[in-house]
Amino acid sequence: FMGEEWAATQPFPFFCEFGPELAEAVREGRRREFMRFPAFQDPATRELIPDPTAESTFLAAKLDWDDLRRAPHAGWLDWYRRVLAVRHAEIVPRLAGIGCGGRYRVLAPGAVLVRWALGEPSRELVLAANLSAVPAHGFPPPSGRVLWREAEAAGDGVFGPWAVRWSIEAMSEGDMLRAEEGPSHG
C-alpha cells in the first residue's frame, strides 16, 4: 500500500471519479458489498463508509510527504531501505542457484527453521523465525554469516517474540544429501 514503507498514517480508501449515474451505482454497490461484514449490518454504520466519488475521500488518502523527514516515519523508511539493500546484495544474486523448494522444520507454534540449498558448493540460505508473541525454543546457533537479524534471540536456542534471523551457512553432509533428494518438511 502507498506509504507503507514509512508507516504513513493516511487511510487508503477506495476512490474514483465517475459521472453522476455511475457514481451513484458505485456508491450503493460499495454499501451493499460491505453488508456482508458483521460490523456493517446496521444501515447507519454503512452510511459512514467514505463515498468513493467524494473529493474529500480522495484528499484524505493523499500522502503527507513531509512525514519522510519526521519520526517515526523516517526510521521506518530507513529500515525498509536497509532490508531491501540486504535483499538486493545477498539474496537476489543467489535466487537462480536455488533449484527447489526449501526444507523446513516447525519448532513450535509460529516458529520455523527453513533451509534452501544454494548453487554455491555446500552453502544454504537459512531462515530462523519465531513469528509468535511468545518465546520459542529449539533454534540452532548460526553456523555462518548472519545477513539480517530482527528482534533479539534470548540465547540457548530460544528466540524471543517476533525474532527473525537470515543467514548463509555451511551445509552439513546430511543436509547436502537431503538437498539432493528435494524438498522436505518435518
N, C-alpha and C. Protein backbone atom coordinates (compact mmCIF):
# COMPACT_ATOMS: atom_id res chain seq x y z
N PHE A 1 0.82 -1.18 0.00
CA PHE A 1 0.00 0.00 0.00
C PHE A 1 0.87 1.24 0.00
N MET A 2 0.33 2.29 -0.50
CA MET A 2 1.11 3.51 -0.60
C MET A 2 1.53 4.01 0.78
N GLY A 3 2.79 4.36 0.89
CA GLY A 3 3.30 4.90 2.14
C GLY A 3 3.64 3.87 3.20
N GLU A 4 3.42 2.60 2.91
CA GLU A 4 3.72 1.56 3.91
C GLU A 4 5.18 1.60 4.34
N GLU A 5 6.07 1.91 3.40
CA GLU A 5 7.49 1.88 3.71
C GLU A 5 7.93 2.98 4.67
N TRP A 6 7.05 3.91 5.00
CA TRP A 6 7.39 4.88 6.05
C TRP A 6 6.26 5.01 7.07
N ALA A 7 5.42 3.96 7.16
CA ALA A 7 4.33 3.91 8.15
C ALA A 7 3.41 5.12 8.04
N ALA A 8 3.00 5.41 6.81
CA ALA A 8 2.08 6.53 6.59
C ALA A 8 0.80 6.31 7.38
N THR A 9 0.27 7.35 7.94
CA THR A 9 -0.93 7.24 8.76
C THR A 9 -2.20 7.56 7.98
N GLN A 10 -2.07 8.01 6.75
CA GLN A 10 -3.26 8.33 5.97
C GLN A 10 -4.01 7.04 5.65
N PRO A 11 -5.34 7.12 5.61
CA PRO A 11 -6.11 5.95 5.21
C PRO A 11 -5.93 5.71 3.70
N PHE A 12 -6.30 4.54 3.25
CA PHE A 12 -6.23 4.28 1.81
C PHE A 12 -7.60 3.78 1.35
N PRO A 13 -8.59 4.69 1.36
CA PRO A 13 -9.93 4.28 0.94
C PRO A 13 -10.03 4.17 -0.58
N PHE A 14 -11.02 3.42 -1.00
CA PHE A 14 -11.31 3.34 -2.43
C PHE A 14 -11.88 4.68 -2.88
N PHE A 15 -11.35 5.23 -3.96
CA PHE A 15 -11.91 6.46 -4.52
C PHE A 15 -11.90 6.36 -6.03
N CYS A 16 -12.81 7.11 -6.66
CA CYS A 16 -12.91 7.10 -8.12
C CYS A 16 -13.60 8.39 -8.57
N GLU A 17 -13.55 8.64 -9.86
CA GLU A 17 -14.19 9.82 -10.43
C GLU A 17 -15.04 9.37 -11.61
N PHE A 18 -16.36 9.30 -11.37
CA PHE A 18 -17.30 8.89 -12.41
C PHE A 18 -18.39 9.94 -12.54
N GLY A 19 -19.11 9.88 -13.64
CA GLY A 19 -20.26 10.76 -13.83
C GLY A 19 -21.38 10.41 -12.85
N PRO A 20 -22.42 11.24 -12.76
CA PRO A 20 -23.46 11.08 -11.74
C PRO A 20 -24.15 9.70 -11.72
N GLU A 21 -24.51 9.16 -12.88
CA GLU A 21 -25.22 7.86 -12.89
C GLU A 21 -24.33 6.74 -12.38
N LEU A 22 -23.13 6.63 -12.90
CA LEU A 22 -22.23 5.57 -12.48
C LEU A 22 -21.76 5.80 -11.04
N ALA A 23 -21.58 7.06 -10.65
CA ALA A 23 -21.15 7.37 -9.28
C ALA A 23 -22.14 6.83 -8.27
N GLU A 24 -23.43 7.02 -8.50
CA GLU A 24 -24.44 6.52 -7.56
C GLU A 24 -24.43 4.99 -7.51
N ALA A 25 -24.26 4.36 -8.65
CA ALA A 25 -24.20 2.89 -8.69
C ALA A 25 -22.99 2.38 -7.91
N VAL A 26 -21.86 3.03 -8.05
CA VAL A 26 -20.65 2.63 -7.33
C VAL A 26 -20.83 2.84 -5.83
N ARG A 27 -21.37 3.98 -5.46
CA ARG A 27 -21.60 4.31 -4.04
C ARG A 27 -22.49 3.24 -3.40
N GLU A 28 -23.61 2.93 -4.03
CA GLU A 28 -24.55 1.95 -3.48
C GLU A 28 -23.97 0.53 -3.55
N GLY A 29 -23.22 0.24 -4.60
CA GLY A 29 -22.58 -1.08 -4.70
C GLY A 29 -21.60 -1.32 -3.57
N ARG A 30 -20.84 -0.30 -3.21
CA ARG A 30 -19.89 -0.42 -2.08
C ARG A 30 -20.65 -0.70 -0.78
N ARG A 31 -21.74 -0.01 -0.58
CA ARG A 31 -22.51 -0.22 0.66
C ARG A 31 -23.11 -1.62 0.69
N ARG A 32 -23.62 -2.10 -0.43
CA ARG A 32 -24.14 -3.49 -0.48
C ARG A 32 -23.03 -4.49 -0.23
N GLU A 33 -21.86 -4.23 -0.81
CA GLU A 33 -20.71 -5.13 -0.61
C GLU A 33 -20.35 -5.22 0.87
N PHE A 34 -20.35 -4.11 1.58
CA PHE A 34 -19.98 -4.08 2.99
C PHE A 34 -21.04 -4.74 3.88
N MET A 35 -22.27 -4.90 3.40
CA MET A 35 -23.33 -5.52 4.20
C MET A 35 -22.95 -6.92 4.67
N ARG A 36 -22.09 -7.60 3.95
CA ARG A 36 -21.68 -8.97 4.31
C ARG A 36 -20.87 -9.02 5.59
N PHE A 37 -20.28 -7.90 6.00
CA PHE A 37 -19.42 -7.88 7.18
C PHE A 37 -20.25 -7.54 8.42
N PRO A 38 -20.05 -8.30 9.50
CA PRO A 38 -20.83 -8.06 10.72
C PRO A 38 -20.81 -6.61 11.21
N ALA A 39 -19.67 -5.94 11.09
CA ALA A 39 -19.55 -4.57 11.58
C ALA A 39 -20.40 -3.59 10.78
N PHE A 40 -20.90 -4.00 9.62
CA PHE A 40 -21.67 -3.09 8.76
C PHE A 40 -23.11 -3.57 8.55
N GLN A 41 -23.64 -4.36 9.48
CA GLN A 41 -25.02 -4.82 9.37
C GLN A 41 -26.01 -3.67 9.55
N ASP A 42 -25.66 -2.72 10.37
CA ASP A 42 -26.53 -1.58 10.64
C ASP A 42 -26.46 -0.58 9.48
N PRO A 43 -27.60 -0.20 8.88
CA PRO A 43 -27.59 0.76 7.77
C PRO A 43 -26.91 2.08 8.14
N ALA A 44 -27.04 2.52 9.38
CA ALA A 44 -26.40 3.77 9.80
C ALA A 44 -24.88 3.65 9.74
N THR A 45 -24.36 2.49 10.07
CA THR A 45 -22.91 2.26 10.01
C THR A 45 -22.44 2.27 8.56
N ARG A 46 -23.23 1.70 7.68
CA ARG A 46 -22.86 1.69 6.26
C ARG A 46 -22.81 3.11 5.69
N GLU A 47 -23.59 4.01 6.24
CA GLU A 47 -23.57 5.40 5.79
C GLU A 47 -22.24 6.08 6.11
N LEU A 48 -21.47 5.50 7.05
CA LEU A 48 -20.17 6.06 7.43
C LEU A 48 -19.04 5.66 6.47
N ILE A 49 -19.32 4.71 5.58
CA ILE A 49 -18.32 4.29 4.59
C ILE A 49 -18.02 5.50 3.70
N PRO A 50 -16.75 5.86 3.54
CA PRO A 50 -16.44 7.04 2.72
C PRO A 50 -17.00 6.90 1.31
N ASP A 51 -17.61 7.96 0.84
CA ASP A 51 -18.16 8.00 -0.51
C ASP A 51 -16.99 7.97 -1.49
N PRO A 52 -16.87 6.92 -2.31
CA PRO A 52 -15.71 6.82 -3.20
C PRO A 52 -15.66 7.90 -4.26
N THR A 53 -16.76 8.59 -4.49
CA THR A 53 -16.78 9.64 -5.51
C THR A 53 -16.59 11.04 -4.93
N ALA A 54 -16.50 11.14 -3.61
CA ALA A 54 -16.35 12.46 -2.98
C ALA A 54 -14.89 12.90 -3.03
N GLU A 55 -14.70 14.18 -3.30
CA GLU A 55 -13.34 14.72 -3.33
C GLU A 55 -12.66 14.57 -1.96
N SER A 56 -13.43 14.65 -0.88
CA SER A 56 -12.87 14.52 0.47
C SER A 56 -12.26 13.14 0.70
N THR A 57 -12.84 12.11 0.07
CA THR A 57 -12.27 10.76 0.20
C THR A 57 -10.91 10.70 -0.47
N PHE A 58 -10.82 11.28 -1.66
CA PHE A 58 -9.54 11.34 -2.37
C PHE A 58 -8.51 12.14 -1.57
N LEU A 59 -8.90 13.30 -1.07
CA LEU A 59 -7.97 14.16 -0.34
C LEU A 59 -7.49 13.50 0.96
N ALA A 60 -8.34 12.72 1.62
CA ALA A 60 -7.95 12.04 2.86
C ALA A 60 -6.85 11.02 2.60
N ALA A 61 -6.79 10.49 1.39
CA ALA A 61 -5.81 9.46 1.05
C ALA A 61 -4.47 10.01 0.58
N LYS A 62 -4.38 11.29 0.36
CA LYS A 62 -3.13 11.86 -0.14
C LYS A 62 -2.04 11.78 0.92
N LEU A 63 -0.86 11.36 0.51
CA LEU A 63 0.27 11.22 1.42
C LEU A 63 0.81 12.58 1.86
N ASP A 64 1.29 12.63 3.08
CA ASP A 64 1.98 13.81 3.59
C ASP A 64 3.47 13.55 3.41
N TRP A 65 4.04 14.10 2.37
CA TRP A 65 5.43 13.82 2.03
C TRP A 65 6.41 14.37 3.06
N ASP A 66 5.98 15.30 3.88
CA ASP A 66 6.84 15.82 4.95
C ASP A 66 7.09 14.76 6.03
N ASP A 67 6.20 13.75 6.09
CA ASP A 67 6.40 12.67 7.07
C ASP A 67 7.74 11.96 6.88
N LEU A 68 8.26 11.96 5.66
CA LEU A 68 9.52 11.27 5.38
C LEU A 68 10.67 11.78 6.24
N ARG A 69 10.57 13.01 6.72
CA ARG A 69 11.64 13.62 7.50
C ARG A 69 11.36 13.61 9.00
N ARG A 70 10.22 13.07 9.42
CA ARG A 70 9.82 13.09 10.83
C ARG A 70 9.79 11.68 11.41
N ALA A 71 10.05 11.61 12.74
CA ALA A 71 9.91 10.34 13.45
C ALA A 71 8.42 10.09 13.67
N PRO A 72 8.01 8.84 13.65
CA PRO A 72 8.78 7.62 13.45
C PRO A 72 8.93 7.24 11.98
N HIS A 73 8.33 8.04 11.09
CA HIS A 73 8.29 7.69 9.67
C HIS A 73 9.68 7.58 9.04
N ALA A 74 10.58 8.49 9.38
CA ALA A 74 11.94 8.44 8.83
C ALA A 74 12.65 7.16 9.25
N GLY A 75 12.41 6.71 10.48
CA GLY A 75 13.01 5.46 10.95
C GLY A 75 12.50 4.25 10.19
N TRP A 76 11.19 4.22 9.92
CA TRP A 76 10.64 3.11 9.14
C TRP A 76 11.20 3.10 7.72
N LEU A 77 11.31 4.27 7.11
CA LEU A 77 11.86 4.34 5.75
C LEU A 77 13.30 3.85 5.74
N ASP A 78 14.08 4.23 6.74
CA ASP A 78 15.46 3.75 6.84
C ASP A 78 15.50 2.23 6.98
N TRP A 79 14.61 1.64 7.79
CA TRP A 79 14.55 0.18 7.97
C TRP A 79 14.26 -0.50 6.63
N TYR A 80 13.26 -0.01 5.90
CA TYR A 80 12.93 -0.60 4.60
C TYR A 80 14.10 -0.50 3.63
N ARG A 81 14.77 0.63 3.61
CA ARG A 81 15.92 0.79 2.71
C ARG A 81 17.02 -0.20 3.05
N ARG A 82 17.30 -0.37 4.35
CA ARG A 82 18.37 -1.29 4.76
C ARG A 82 18.01 -2.74 4.44
N VAL A 83 16.79 -3.16 4.75
CA VAL A 83 16.42 -4.55 4.50
C VAL A 83 16.37 -4.84 3.00
N LEU A 84 15.91 -3.88 2.20
CA LEU A 84 15.91 -4.09 0.74
C LEU A 84 17.32 -4.10 0.18
N ALA A 85 18.23 -3.33 0.75
CA ALA A 85 19.63 -3.35 0.30
C ALA A 85 20.26 -4.71 0.58
N VAL A 86 19.97 -5.30 1.75
CA VAL A 86 20.49 -6.63 2.06
C VAL A 86 19.89 -7.65 1.09
N ARG A 87 18.60 -7.56 0.86
CA ARG A 87 17.96 -8.49 -0.08
C ARG A 87 18.59 -8.37 -1.46
N HIS A 88 18.80 -7.13 -1.92
CA HIS A 88 19.39 -6.89 -3.24
C HIS A 88 20.82 -7.44 -3.33
N ALA A 89 21.62 -7.22 -2.30
CA ALA A 89 23.03 -7.62 -2.34
C ALA A 89 23.25 -9.09 -2.03
N GLU A 90 22.44 -9.66 -1.15
CA GLU A 90 22.73 -11.01 -0.64
C GLU A 90 21.78 -12.10 -1.12
N ILE A 91 20.52 -11.79 -1.29
CA ILE A 91 19.53 -12.82 -1.63
C ILE A 91 19.31 -12.91 -3.14
N VAL A 92 18.99 -11.78 -3.77
CA VAL A 92 18.66 -11.79 -5.20
C VAL A 92 19.74 -12.46 -6.05
N PRO A 93 21.04 -12.17 -5.85
CA PRO A 93 22.05 -12.83 -6.69
C PRO A 93 22.09 -14.36 -6.51
N ARG A 94 21.54 -14.86 -5.43
CA ARG A 94 21.58 -16.30 -5.16
C ARG A 94 20.30 -17.03 -5.56
N LEU A 95 19.27 -16.32 -5.92
CA LEU A 95 17.99 -16.95 -6.23
C LEU A 95 18.08 -17.95 -7.38
N ALA A 96 18.83 -17.62 -8.40
CA ALA A 96 18.95 -18.53 -9.55
C ALA A 96 19.59 -19.86 -9.16
N GLY A 97 20.39 -19.86 -8.11
CA GLY A 97 21.04 -21.09 -7.67
C GLY A 97 20.17 -22.00 -6.83
N ILE A 98 19.02 -21.52 -6.41
CA ILE A 98 18.10 -22.35 -5.62
C ILE A 98 17.28 -23.18 -6.59
N GLY A 99 17.57 -24.48 -6.61
CA GLY A 99 16.95 -25.35 -7.60
C GLY A 99 15.60 -25.92 -7.20
N CYS A 100 15.27 -25.91 -5.92
CA CYS A 100 13.99 -26.48 -5.48
C CYS A 100 13.57 -25.79 -4.19
N GLY A 101 12.39 -26.13 -3.74
CA GLY A 101 11.86 -25.54 -2.52
C GLY A 101 12.74 -25.84 -1.32
N GLY A 102 12.51 -25.10 -0.28
CA GLY A 102 13.30 -25.27 0.93
C GLY A 102 12.83 -26.45 1.76
N ARG A 103 13.67 -26.82 2.70
CA ARG A 103 13.33 -27.84 3.68
C ARG A 103 13.01 -27.10 4.97
N TYR A 104 11.94 -27.48 5.63
CA TYR A 104 11.59 -26.74 6.83
C TYR A 104 11.30 -27.67 8.00
N ARG A 105 11.43 -27.09 9.18
CA ARG A 105 11.10 -27.81 10.41
C ARG A 105 10.35 -26.84 11.32
N VAL A 106 9.16 -27.24 11.73
CA VAL A 106 8.38 -26.44 12.66
C VAL A 106 8.94 -26.72 14.06
N LEU A 107 9.36 -25.67 14.74
CA LEU A 107 9.98 -25.82 16.06
C LEU A 107 8.98 -25.62 17.19
N ALA A 108 7.95 -24.84 16.95
CA ALA A 108 6.90 -24.54 17.93
C ALA A 108 5.79 -23.83 17.15
N PRO A 109 4.63 -23.66 17.75
CA PRO A 109 3.59 -22.91 17.05
C PRO A 109 4.12 -21.51 16.67
N GLY A 110 4.14 -21.23 15.37
CA GLY A 110 4.62 -19.95 14.88
C GLY A 110 6.12 -19.85 14.72
N ALA A 111 6.85 -20.93 15.02
CA ALA A 111 8.32 -20.91 14.94
C ALA A 111 8.79 -21.94 13.92
N VAL A 112 9.68 -21.50 13.01
CA VAL A 112 10.10 -22.37 11.92
C VAL A 112 11.56 -22.14 11.57
N LEU A 113 12.18 -23.18 11.04
CA LEU A 113 13.53 -23.13 10.51
C LEU A 113 13.43 -23.61 9.06
N VAL A 114 13.87 -22.78 8.10
CA VAL A 114 13.78 -23.13 6.68
C VAL A 114 15.17 -23.03 6.08
N ARG A 115 15.53 -24.04 5.26
CA ARG A 115 16.85 -24.08 4.62
C ARG A 115 16.67 -24.28 3.11
N TRP A 116 17.33 -23.42 2.33
CA TRP A 116 17.33 -23.54 0.88
C TRP A 116 18.76 -23.80 0.43
N ALA A 117 18.99 -24.89 -0.30
CA ALA A 117 20.31 -25.19 -0.85
C ALA A 117 20.61 -24.17 -1.95
N LEU A 118 21.79 -23.59 -1.89
CA LEU A 118 22.20 -22.60 -2.88
C LEU A 118 23.03 -23.27 -3.95
N GLY A 119 23.20 -22.59 -5.07
CA GLY A 119 24.05 -23.10 -6.13
C GLY A 119 25.52 -23.08 -5.76
N GLU A 120 25.85 -22.40 -4.67
CA GLU A 120 27.23 -22.35 -4.19
C GLU A 120 27.53 -23.68 -3.50
N PRO A 121 28.72 -24.21 -3.66
CA PRO A 121 29.04 -25.51 -3.06
C PRO A 121 28.85 -25.50 -1.54
N SER A 122 28.04 -26.43 -1.08
CA SER A 122 27.85 -26.68 0.35
C SER A 122 27.36 -25.47 1.14
N ARG A 123 26.58 -24.61 0.50
CA ARG A 123 26.06 -23.42 1.18
C ARG A 123 24.54 -23.43 1.11
N GLU A 124 23.92 -22.83 2.13
CA GLU A 124 22.48 -22.72 2.12
C GLU A 124 22.03 -21.40 2.74
N LEU A 125 20.89 -20.95 2.28
CA LEU A 125 20.23 -19.78 2.84
C LEU A 125 19.32 -20.30 3.95
N VAL A 126 19.41 -19.70 5.14
CA VAL A 126 18.65 -20.20 6.29
C VAL A 126 17.81 -19.07 6.89
N LEU A 127 16.55 -19.39 7.10
CA LEU A 127 15.64 -18.51 7.82
C LEU A 127 15.27 -19.19 9.12
N ALA A 128 15.52 -18.52 10.22
CA ALA A 128 15.08 -18.97 11.54
C ALA A 128 14.13 -17.90 12.04
N ALA A 129 12.87 -18.27 12.33
CA ALA A 129 11.89 -17.25 12.67
C ALA A 129 10.91 -17.72 13.74
N ASN A 130 10.71 -16.86 14.71
CA ASN A 130 9.65 -17.05 15.69
C ASN A 130 8.62 -15.96 15.42
N LEU A 131 7.57 -16.32 14.71
CA LEU A 131 6.54 -15.36 14.33
C LEU A 131 5.35 -15.47 15.26
N SER A 132 5.64 -15.49 16.54
CA SER A 132 4.60 -15.56 17.56
C SER A 132 4.92 -14.57 18.68
N ALA A 133 3.97 -14.38 19.56
CA ALA A 133 4.10 -13.40 20.64
C ALA A 133 4.76 -13.98 21.90
N VAL A 134 5.17 -15.24 21.83
CA VAL A 134 5.81 -15.87 23.00
C VAL A 134 7.16 -16.44 22.59
N PRO A 135 8.10 -16.58 23.52
CA PRO A 135 9.41 -17.17 23.18
C PRO A 135 9.25 -18.59 22.64
N ALA A 136 10.17 -18.98 21.76
CA ALA A 136 10.16 -20.33 21.19
C ALA A 136 11.54 -20.95 21.33
N HIS A 137 11.60 -22.26 21.55
CA HIS A 137 12.84 -22.99 21.79
C HIS A 137 13.20 -23.84 20.56
N GLY A 138 14.46 -24.28 20.51
CA GLY A 138 14.91 -25.23 19.50
C GLY A 138 15.65 -24.65 18.33
N PHE A 139 16.00 -23.38 18.37
CA PHE A 139 16.72 -22.78 17.26
C PHE A 139 18.22 -23.07 17.38
N PRO A 140 18.83 -23.57 16.31
CA PRO A 140 20.28 -23.79 16.35
C PRO A 140 21.02 -22.46 16.21
N PRO A 141 22.23 -22.38 16.73
CA PRO A 141 23.02 -21.16 16.51
C PRO A 141 23.41 -21.09 15.03
N PRO A 142 23.63 -19.91 14.49
CA PRO A 142 24.03 -19.83 13.08
C PRO A 142 25.43 -20.42 12.90
N SER A 143 25.61 -21.13 11.80
CA SER A 143 26.93 -21.72 11.53
C SER A 143 27.64 -20.95 10.42
N GLY A 144 27.15 -19.79 10.12
CA GLY A 144 27.75 -18.99 9.05
C GLY A 144 27.53 -17.51 9.29
N ARG A 145 27.43 -16.79 8.21
CA ARG A 145 27.32 -15.34 8.27
C ARG A 145 25.86 -14.91 8.37
N VAL A 146 25.54 -14.15 9.41
CA VAL A 146 24.19 -13.62 9.59
C VAL A 146 24.01 -12.42 8.67
N LEU A 147 22.93 -12.46 7.87
CA LEU A 147 22.63 -11.38 6.93
C LEU A 147 21.72 -10.34 7.56
N TRP A 148 20.77 -10.80 8.35
CA TRP A 148 19.79 -9.89 8.94
C TRP A 148 19.25 -10.51 10.22
N ARG A 149 19.07 -9.66 11.18
CA ARG A 149 18.50 -10.11 12.45
C ARG A 149 17.46 -9.08 12.87
N GLU A 150 16.31 -9.58 13.26
CA GLU A 150 15.22 -8.71 13.71
C GLU A 150 14.78 -9.20 15.08
N ALA A 151 14.74 -8.32 16.03
CA ALA A 151 14.44 -8.64 17.43
C ALA A 151 15.61 -9.47 17.98
N GLU A 152 15.54 -9.79 19.21
CA GLU A 152 16.67 -10.46 19.84
C GLU A 152 16.39 -11.92 20.16
N ALA A 153 17.38 -12.74 19.93
CA ALA A 153 17.30 -14.12 20.39
C ALA A 153 17.60 -14.10 21.88
N ALA A 154 16.87 -14.90 22.62
CA ALA A 154 17.02 -14.91 24.08
C ALA A 154 18.23 -15.76 24.51
N GLY A 155 18.87 -16.46 23.59
CA GLY A 155 20.04 -17.30 23.90
C GLY A 155 19.66 -18.76 24.08
N ASP A 156 20.67 -19.62 24.04
CA ASP A 156 20.48 -21.07 24.24
C ASP A 156 19.35 -21.64 23.39
N GLY A 157 19.30 -21.26 22.13
CA GLY A 157 18.30 -21.80 21.22
C GLY A 157 16.92 -21.23 21.38
N VAL A 158 16.78 -20.16 22.14
CA VAL A 158 15.48 -19.54 22.37
C VAL A 158 15.41 -18.22 21.60
N PHE A 159 14.36 -18.07 20.82
CA PHE A 159 14.08 -16.81 20.14
C PHE A 159 12.93 -16.13 20.86
N GLY A 160 13.09 -14.84 21.12
CA GLY A 160 12.02 -14.07 21.72
C GLY A 160 10.90 -13.86 20.71
N PRO A 161 9.83 -13.21 21.15
CA PRO A 161 8.71 -12.94 20.24
C PRO A 161 9.16 -12.16 19.01
N TRP A 162 8.65 -12.56 17.86
CA TRP A 162 8.84 -11.88 16.58
C TRP A 162 10.31 -11.78 16.18
N ALA A 163 11.13 -12.71 16.58
CA ALA A 163 12.55 -12.72 16.24
C ALA A 163 12.77 -13.46 14.92
N VAL A 164 13.61 -12.88 14.07
CA VAL A 164 13.90 -13.45 12.75
C VAL A 164 15.39 -13.34 12.49
N ARG A 165 15.97 -14.38 11.90
CA ARG A 165 17.39 -14.34 11.51
C ARG A 165 17.52 -14.97 10.13
N TRP A 166 18.17 -14.27 9.22
CA TRP A 166 18.54 -14.79 7.90
C TRP A 166 20.05 -14.97 7.90
N SER A 167 20.53 -16.09 7.36
CA SER A 167 21.96 -16.32 7.31
C SER A 167 22.33 -17.18 6.11
N ILE A 168 23.61 -17.11 5.76
CA ILE A 168 24.21 -18.00 4.76
C ILE A 168 25.08 -18.94 5.57
N GLU A 169 24.82 -20.23 5.45
CA GLU A 169 25.51 -21.19 6.30
C GLU A 169 26.09 -22.34 5.48
N ALA A 170 27.06 -23.00 6.09
CA ALA A 170 27.62 -24.21 5.50
C ALA A 170 26.65 -25.35 5.74
N MET A 171 26.48 -26.17 4.73
CA MET A 171 25.59 -27.32 4.86
C MET A 171 26.34 -28.48 5.50
N SER A 172 25.65 -29.22 6.36
CA SER A 172 26.23 -30.45 6.90
C SER A 172 26.14 -31.52 5.81
N GLU A 173 26.86 -32.59 5.97
CA GLU A 173 26.82 -33.67 4.97
C GLU A 173 25.41 -34.22 4.83
N GLY A 174 24.71 -34.38 5.95
CA GLY A 174 23.32 -34.87 5.91
C GLY A 174 22.41 -33.89 5.20
N ASP A 175 22.63 -32.60 5.41
CA ASP A 175 21.83 -31.58 4.72
C ASP A 175 22.08 -31.62 3.23
N MET A 176 23.34 -31.86 2.81
CA MET A 176 23.65 -31.93 1.38
C MET A 176 22.92 -33.10 0.74
N LEU A 177 22.87 -34.24 1.39
CA LEU A 177 22.17 -35.39 0.84
C LEU A 177 20.67 -35.12 0.75
N ARG A 178 20.10 -34.52 1.79
CA ARG A 178 18.67 -34.20 1.77
C ARG A 178 18.36 -33.17 0.68
N ALA A 179 19.25 -32.22 0.46
CA ALA A 179 19.02 -31.21 -0.57
C ALA A 179 18.97 -31.85 -1.95
N GLU A 180 19.78 -32.87 -2.17
CA GLU A 180 19.79 -33.57 -3.44
C GLU A 180 18.49 -34.35 -3.66
N GLU A 181 17.85 -34.77 -2.54
CA GLU A 181 16.60 -35.53 -2.64
C GLU A 181 15.41 -34.63 -2.92
N GLY A 182 15.51 -33.33 -2.66
CA GLY A 182 14.40 -32.42 -2.91
C GLY A 182 13.78 -31.90 -1.64
N PRO A 183 12.67 -31.16 -1.78
CA PRO A 183 12.06 -30.52 -0.63
C PRO A 183 11.52 -31.54 0.39
N SER A 184 11.58 -31.14 1.64
CA SER A 184 11.03 -31.99 2.70
C SER A 184 10.56 -31.11 3.82
N HIS A 185 9.90 -31.70 4.76
CA HIS A 185 9.49 -30.97 5.95
C HIS A 185 9.51 -31.93 7.11
N GLY A 186 9.48 -31.35 8.28
CA GLY A 186 9.46 -32.21 9.47
C GLY A 186 10.46 -31.78 10.38
